[in-house]
Amino acid sequence: QLFYEEFKAVVSTQSTGVTDSLVIEIIEANLQSDACKIGFMLDGFPRNLVQAEKLDDYLDGQSEPLNNVVEFKVKDDILVERIAGRMIHQSSGRTYHEVFAPPKVPMTDDVTG
């Protein structure tokens, strides 16, 4: 919630996506929250070298070692299927996938129709 308005403004005005600096601010703020006191898992972050370096700097500054890293190697065609099949109902934010979690009626929101 801390960065919701800033995030929303960036997403609605930029076609290039969210900046590394905003992503890093959000990650750092969340890592300082009570929810991360006993540990945390980052899924899909860092996505590039700048983000990885900033995460290293942050963790060094907190004297918090990075204990484990898991990398999943997935074939490109599987990734394309997962990404290309995603669907989002714009007004509610509900998500569907045409193969793995389809709506009950094709191309129709399960709640609003």
N, C-alpha and C. Protein backbone atom coordinates (compact mmCIF):
# COMPACT_ATOMS: atom_id res chain seq x y z
N GLN A 1 0.81 -1.19 0.00
CA GLN A 1 0.00 0.00 0.00
C GLN A 1 0.85 1.26 0.00
N LEU A 2 2.08 1.15 0.52
CA LEU A 2 2.93 2.32 0.64
C LEU A 2 3.12 3.05 -0.68
N PHE A 3 3.28 2.32 -1.75
CA PHE A 3 3.62 2.92 -3.04
C PHE A 3 2.50 2.78 -4.06
N TYR A 4 1.31 2.43 -3.61
CA TYR A 4 0.23 2.12 -4.54
C TYR A 4 -0.06 3.29 -5.49
N GLU A 5 -0.22 4.48 -4.96
CA GLU A 5 -0.57 5.63 -5.82
C GLU A 5 0.54 5.95 -6.81
N GLU A 6 1.79 5.90 -6.34
CA GLU A 6 2.92 6.17 -7.24
C GLU A 6 2.99 5.09 -8.33
N PHE A 7 2.84 3.84 -7.92
CA PHE A 7 2.86 2.73 -8.86
C PHE A 7 1.74 2.87 -9.89
N LYS A 8 0.54 3.16 -9.42
CA LYS A 8 -0.63 3.32 -10.29
C LYS A 8 -0.40 4.45 -11.30
N ALA A 9 0.17 5.56 -10.83
CA ALA A 9 0.43 6.69 -11.71
C ALA A 9 1.45 6.34 -12.79
N VAL A 10 2.48 5.64 -12.41
CA VAL A 10 3.51 5.25 -13.37
C VAL A 10 2.95 4.29 -14.40
N VAL A 11 2.23 3.29 -13.95
CA VAL A 11 1.68 2.29 -14.86
C VAL A 11 0.68 2.92 -15.83
N SER A 12 -0.10 3.86 -15.37
CA SER A 12 -1.12 4.45 -16.23
C SER A 12 -0.55 5.45 -17.24
N THR A 13 0.66 5.95 -17.00
CA THR A 13 1.22 6.96 -17.90
C THR A 13 2.40 6.49 -18.72
N GLN A 14 2.97 5.35 -18.39
CA GLN A 14 4.15 4.87 -19.11
C GLN A 14 3.86 3.55 -19.79
N SER A 15 4.23 3.48 -21.05
CA SER A 15 4.08 2.21 -21.75
C SER A 15 5.30 1.33 -21.55
N THR A 16 6.37 1.88 -20.98
CA THR A 16 7.60 1.12 -20.81
C THR A 16 7.64 0.35 -19.51
N GLY A 17 6.69 0.56 -18.63
CA GLY A 17 6.66 -0.18 -17.38
C GLY A 17 7.22 0.62 -16.22
N VAL A 18 7.38 -0.05 -15.12
CA VAL A 18 7.81 0.57 -13.88
C VAL A 18 9.33 0.66 -13.86
N THR A 19 9.85 1.76 -13.35
CA THR A 19 11.30 1.96 -13.32
C THR A 19 11.95 1.06 -12.27
N ASP A 20 13.23 0.77 -12.48
CA ASP A 20 13.99 -0.01 -11.51
C ASP A 20 13.97 0.67 -10.15
N SER A 21 14.11 1.98 -10.12
CA SER A 21 14.17 2.69 -8.84
C SER A 21 12.88 2.52 -8.04
N LEU A 22 11.73 2.56 -8.70
CA LEU A 22 10.47 2.37 -7.98
C LEU A 22 10.33 0.93 -7.50
N VAL A 23 10.70 -0.03 -8.34
CA VAL A 23 10.64 -1.44 -7.94
C VAL A 23 11.52 -1.66 -6.71
N ILE A 24 12.71 -1.10 -6.73
CA ILE A 24 13.65 -1.27 -5.62
C ILE A 24 13.10 -0.62 -4.35
N GLU A 25 12.51 0.57 -4.48
CA GLU A 25 11.88 1.22 -3.31
C GLU A 25 10.80 0.33 -2.70
N ILE A 26 9.98 -0.26 -3.56
CA ILE A 26 8.89 -1.12 -3.08
C ILE A 26 9.46 -2.36 -2.39
N ILE A 27 10.45 -2.98 -3.00
CA ILE A 27 11.08 -4.17 -2.41
C ILE A 27 11.69 -3.83 -1.05
N GLU A 28 12.47 -2.75 -0.99
CA GLU A 28 13.12 -2.37 0.27
C GLU A 28 12.09 -2.08 1.36
N ALA A 29 11.03 -1.37 1.02
CA ALA A 29 10.00 -1.06 2.01
C ALA A 29 9.35 -2.33 2.54
N ASN A 30 9.08 -3.27 1.64
CA ASN A 30 8.46 -4.52 2.06
C ASN A 30 9.42 -5.38 2.88
N LEU A 31 10.70 -5.37 2.55
CA LEU A 31 11.67 -6.16 3.32
C LEU A 31 11.82 -5.63 4.74
N GLN A 32 11.48 -4.36 4.95
CA GLN A 32 11.55 -3.76 6.29
C GLN A 32 10.28 -4.00 7.10
N SER A 33 9.28 -4.59 6.47
CA SER A 33 7.99 -4.80 7.16
C SER A 33 8.07 -5.99 8.12
N ASP A 34 7.11 -6.05 9.03
CA ASP A 34 7.03 -7.15 9.98
C ASP A 34 6.90 -8.50 9.29
N ALA A 35 6.25 -8.51 8.15
CA ALA A 35 6.03 -9.76 7.43
C ALA A 35 7.34 -10.43 7.00
N CYS A 36 8.41 -9.66 6.90
CA CYS A 36 9.69 -10.22 6.44
C CYS A 36 10.72 -10.38 7.54
N LYS A 37 10.30 -10.20 8.79
CA LYS A 37 11.25 -10.27 9.91
C LYS A 37 11.96 -11.61 10.03
N ILE A 38 11.25 -12.70 9.77
CA ILE A 38 11.89 -14.02 9.92
C ILE A 38 12.36 -14.60 8.59
N GLY A 39 12.17 -13.87 7.52
CA GLY A 39 12.64 -14.32 6.22
C GLY A 39 11.71 -13.87 5.11
N PHE A 40 12.15 -14.07 3.90
CA PHE A 40 11.35 -13.65 2.74
C PHE A 40 11.77 -14.45 1.52
N MET A 41 10.88 -14.46 0.54
CA MET A 41 11.16 -15.07 -0.74
C MET A 41 10.80 -14.06 -1.82
N LEU A 42 11.69 -13.86 -2.75
CA LEU A 42 11.43 -12.95 -3.87
C LEU A 42 11.19 -13.79 -5.12
N ASP A 43 10.06 -13.60 -5.74
CA ASP A 43 9.69 -14.35 -6.94
C ASP A 43 9.70 -13.39 -8.12
N GLY A 44 10.61 -13.58 -9.04
CA GLY A 44 10.67 -12.71 -10.21
C GLY A 44 11.47 -11.44 -9.97
N PHE A 45 12.22 -11.39 -8.91
CA PHE A 45 13.07 -10.24 -8.60
C PHE A 45 14.37 -10.77 -8.05
N PRO A 46 15.48 -10.25 -8.49
CA PRO A 46 15.67 -9.18 -9.47
C PRO A 46 15.50 -9.68 -10.91
N ARG A 47 15.12 -8.76 -11.78
CA ARG A 47 14.91 -9.09 -13.18
C ARG A 47 16.06 -8.64 -14.08
N ASN A 48 16.97 -7.84 -13.51
CA ASN A 48 18.11 -7.39 -14.32
C ASN A 48 19.30 -7.10 -13.40
N LEU A 49 20.43 -6.76 -13.99
CA LEU A 49 21.66 -6.56 -13.24
C LEU A 49 21.56 -5.38 -12.27
N VAL A 50 20.94 -4.28 -12.69
CA VAL A 50 20.79 -3.11 -11.81
C VAL A 50 20.01 -3.50 -10.56
N GLN A 51 18.91 -4.20 -10.73
CA GLN A 51 18.11 -4.63 -9.58
C GLN A 51 18.90 -5.58 -8.68
N ALA A 52 19.68 -6.48 -9.27
CA ALA A 52 20.49 -7.41 -8.48
C ALA A 52 21.54 -6.67 -7.66
N GLU A 53 22.19 -5.70 -8.28
CA GLU A 53 23.20 -4.92 -7.57
C GLU A 53 22.58 -4.11 -6.44
N LYS A 54 21.42 -3.51 -6.68
CA LYS A 54 20.74 -2.74 -5.63
C LYS A 54 20.28 -3.63 -4.49
N LEU A 55 19.83 -4.82 -4.81
CA LEU A 55 19.44 -5.77 -3.76
C LEU A 55 20.66 -6.15 -2.93
N ASP A 56 21.79 -6.42 -3.59
CA ASP A 56 23.03 -6.72 -2.86
C ASP A 56 23.42 -5.57 -1.94
N ASP A 57 23.36 -4.34 -2.46
CA ASP A 57 23.70 -3.16 -1.64
C ASP A 57 22.79 -3.06 -0.43
N TYR A 58 21.50 -3.26 -0.65
CA TYR A 58 20.53 -3.16 0.44
C TYR A 58 20.81 -4.22 1.51
N LEU A 59 20.98 -5.46 1.08
CA LEU A 59 21.21 -6.55 2.03
C LEU A 59 22.53 -6.36 2.78
N ASP A 60 23.57 -5.87 2.09
CA ASP A 60 24.83 -5.57 2.76
C ASP A 60 24.63 -4.50 3.83
N GLY A 61 23.87 -3.48 3.51
CA GLY A 61 23.59 -2.39 4.45
C GLY A 61 22.79 -2.84 5.66
N GLN A 62 22.02 -3.88 5.51
CA GLN A 62 21.20 -4.42 6.60
C GLN A 62 21.91 -5.56 7.33
N SER A 63 23.11 -5.90 6.87
CA SER A 63 23.83 -7.07 7.40
C SER A 63 22.95 -8.32 7.34
N GLU A 64 22.25 -8.44 6.24
CA GLU A 64 21.33 -9.56 6.02
C GLU A 64 21.85 -10.39 4.85
N PRO A 65 22.40 -11.57 5.14
CA PRO A 65 22.95 -12.37 4.04
C PRO A 65 21.85 -13.00 3.19
N LEU A 66 22.16 -13.19 1.94
CA LEU A 66 21.27 -13.92 1.05
C LEU A 66 21.63 -15.40 1.19
N ASN A 67 20.72 -16.21 1.68
CA ASN A 67 21.04 -17.60 2.00
C ASN A 67 20.90 -18.56 0.83
N ASN A 68 19.90 -18.39 0.01
CA ASN A 68 19.64 -19.34 -1.07
C ASN A 68 19.07 -18.64 -2.28
N VAL A 69 19.36 -19.20 -3.43
CA VAL A 69 18.78 -18.74 -4.69
C VAL A 69 18.31 -19.97 -5.44
N VAL A 70 17.12 -19.90 -6.00
CA VAL A 70 16.58 -20.99 -6.80
C VAL A 70 16.33 -20.45 -8.20
N GLU A 71 16.84 -21.15 -9.18
CA GLU A 71 16.61 -20.78 -10.57
C GLU A 71 15.87 -21.92 -11.26
N PHE A 72 14.78 -21.59 -11.89
CA PHE A 72 14.03 -22.58 -12.65
C PHE A 72 14.41 -22.44 -14.12
N LYS A 73 14.82 -23.51 -14.73
CA LYS A 73 15.11 -23.50 -16.16
C LYS A 73 13.88 -24.07 -16.86
N VAL A 74 13.26 -23.23 -17.66
CA VAL A 74 12.02 -23.62 -18.33
C VAL A 74 12.18 -23.38 -19.82
N LYS A 75 11.71 -24.32 -20.61
CA LYS A 75 11.80 -24.17 -22.07
C LYS A 75 11.00 -22.96 -22.53
N ASP A 76 11.52 -22.29 -23.56
CA ASP A 76 10.88 -21.07 -24.07
C ASP A 76 9.43 -21.28 -24.46
N ASP A 77 9.11 -22.41 -25.11
CA ASP A 77 7.73 -22.62 -25.56
C ASP A 77 6.76 -22.74 -24.38
N ILE A 78 7.23 -23.26 -23.26
CA ILE A 78 6.39 -23.34 -22.07
C ILE A 78 6.15 -21.94 -21.50
N LEU A 79 7.20 -21.14 -21.47
CA LEU A 79 7.06 -19.76 -20.98
C LEU A 79 6.10 -18.96 -21.85
N VAL A 80 6.24 -19.11 -23.16
CA VAL A 80 5.35 -18.39 -24.08
C VAL A 80 3.90 -18.81 -23.85
N GLU A 81 3.67 -20.10 -23.68
CA GLU A 81 2.30 -20.58 -23.42
C GLU A 81 1.74 -19.97 -22.13
N ARG A 82 2.56 -19.93 -21.09
CA ARG A 82 2.12 -19.38 -19.81
C ARG A 82 1.80 -17.89 -19.92
N ILE A 83 2.67 -17.16 -20.61
CA ILE A 83 2.50 -15.70 -20.70
C ILE A 83 1.38 -15.33 -21.68
N ALA A 84 1.40 -15.96 -22.84
CA ALA A 84 0.45 -15.59 -23.89
C ALA A 84 -0.99 -15.93 -23.52
N GLY A 85 -1.20 -16.91 -22.64
CA GLY A 85 -2.56 -17.30 -22.29
C GLY A 85 -3.19 -16.50 -21.17
N ARG A 86 -2.45 -15.54 -20.62
CA ARG A 86 -2.98 -14.76 -19.50
C ARG A 86 -4.09 -13.81 -19.95
N MET A 87 -5.10 -13.69 -19.10
CA MET A 87 -6.20 -12.75 -19.36
C MET A 87 -6.53 -12.05 -18.05
N ILE A 88 -6.82 -10.77 -18.15
CA ILE A 88 -7.17 -9.98 -16.96
C ILE A 88 -8.48 -9.26 -17.22
N HIS A 89 -9.42 -9.41 -16.29
CA HIS A 89 -10.67 -8.65 -16.35
C HIS A 89 -10.33 -7.26 -15.83
N GLN A 90 -10.33 -6.27 -16.71
CA GLN A 90 -9.81 -4.95 -16.39
C GLN A 90 -10.49 -4.28 -15.20
N SER A 91 -11.80 -4.33 -15.13
CA SER A 91 -12.47 -3.56 -14.07
C SER A 91 -12.32 -4.18 -12.69
N SER A 92 -12.11 -5.49 -12.61
CA SER A 92 -12.00 -6.13 -11.29
C SER A 92 -10.59 -6.57 -10.95
N GLY A 93 -9.76 -6.77 -11.98
CA GLY A 93 -8.42 -7.28 -11.76
C GLY A 93 -8.35 -8.79 -11.66
N ARG A 94 -9.49 -9.47 -11.81
CA ARG A 94 -9.48 -10.93 -11.75
C ARG A 94 -8.65 -11.47 -12.92
N THR A 95 -7.89 -12.52 -12.63
CA THR A 95 -7.03 -13.09 -13.67
C THR A 95 -7.50 -14.48 -14.06
N TYR A 96 -7.27 -14.77 -15.32
CA TYR A 96 -7.61 -16.07 -15.89
C TYR A 96 -6.45 -16.50 -16.78
N HIS A 97 -6.46 -17.75 -17.17
CA HIS A 97 -5.52 -18.25 -18.17
C HIS A 97 -6.30 -19.17 -19.08
N GLU A 98 -6.13 -19.00 -20.38
CA GLU A 98 -6.97 -19.75 -21.31
C GLU A 98 -6.77 -21.27 -21.23
N VAL A 99 -5.63 -21.74 -20.70
CA VAL A 99 -5.39 -23.18 -20.56
C VAL A 99 -5.48 -23.62 -19.10
N PHE A 100 -4.80 -22.92 -18.20
CA PHE A 100 -4.61 -23.39 -16.83
C PHE A 100 -5.68 -22.91 -15.84
N ALA A 101 -6.35 -21.81 -16.13
CA ALA A 101 -7.41 -21.31 -15.25
C ALA A 101 -8.40 -20.51 -16.07
N PRO A 102 -9.09 -21.18 -17.00
CA PRO A 102 -10.00 -20.45 -17.89
C PRO A 102 -11.27 -20.01 -17.17
N PRO A 103 -11.90 -18.94 -17.68
CA PRO A 103 -13.21 -18.59 -17.15
C PRO A 103 -14.22 -19.67 -17.53
N LYS A 104 -15.33 -19.73 -16.81
CA LYS A 104 -16.33 -20.76 -17.08
C LYS A 104 -16.90 -20.66 -18.49
N VAL A 105 -17.07 -19.40 -18.95
CA VAL A 105 -17.51 -19.14 -20.32
C VAL A 105 -16.37 -18.41 -21.00
N PRO A 106 -15.90 -18.89 -22.16
CA PRO A 106 -14.74 -18.26 -22.80
C PRO A 106 -14.89 -16.74 -22.95
N MET A 107 -13.82 -16.03 -22.60
CA MET A 107 -13.72 -14.57 -22.74
C MET A 107 -14.79 -13.81 -21.97
N THR A 108 -15.29 -14.42 -20.87
CA THR A 108 -16.33 -13.80 -20.06
C THR A 108 -15.94 -13.91 -18.58
N ASP A 109 -16.03 -12.81 -17.85
CA ASP A 109 -15.71 -12.83 -16.43
C ASP A 109 -16.68 -13.71 -15.68
N ASP A 110 -16.15 -14.53 -14.78
CA ASP A 110 -16.99 -15.47 -14.03
C ASP A 110 -17.98 -14.77 -13.09
N VAL A 111 -17.65 -13.58 -12.64
CA VAL A 111 -18.51 -12.90 -11.66
C VAL A 111 -19.51 -11.97 -12.32
N THR A 112 -19.03 -11.13 -13.24
CA THR A 112 -19.90 -10.12 -13.83
C THR A 112 -20.49 -10.50 -15.18
N GLY A 113 -19.96 -11.59 -15.77
CA GLY A 113 -20.51 -12.04 -17.05
C GLY A 113 -20.01 -11.35 -18.23
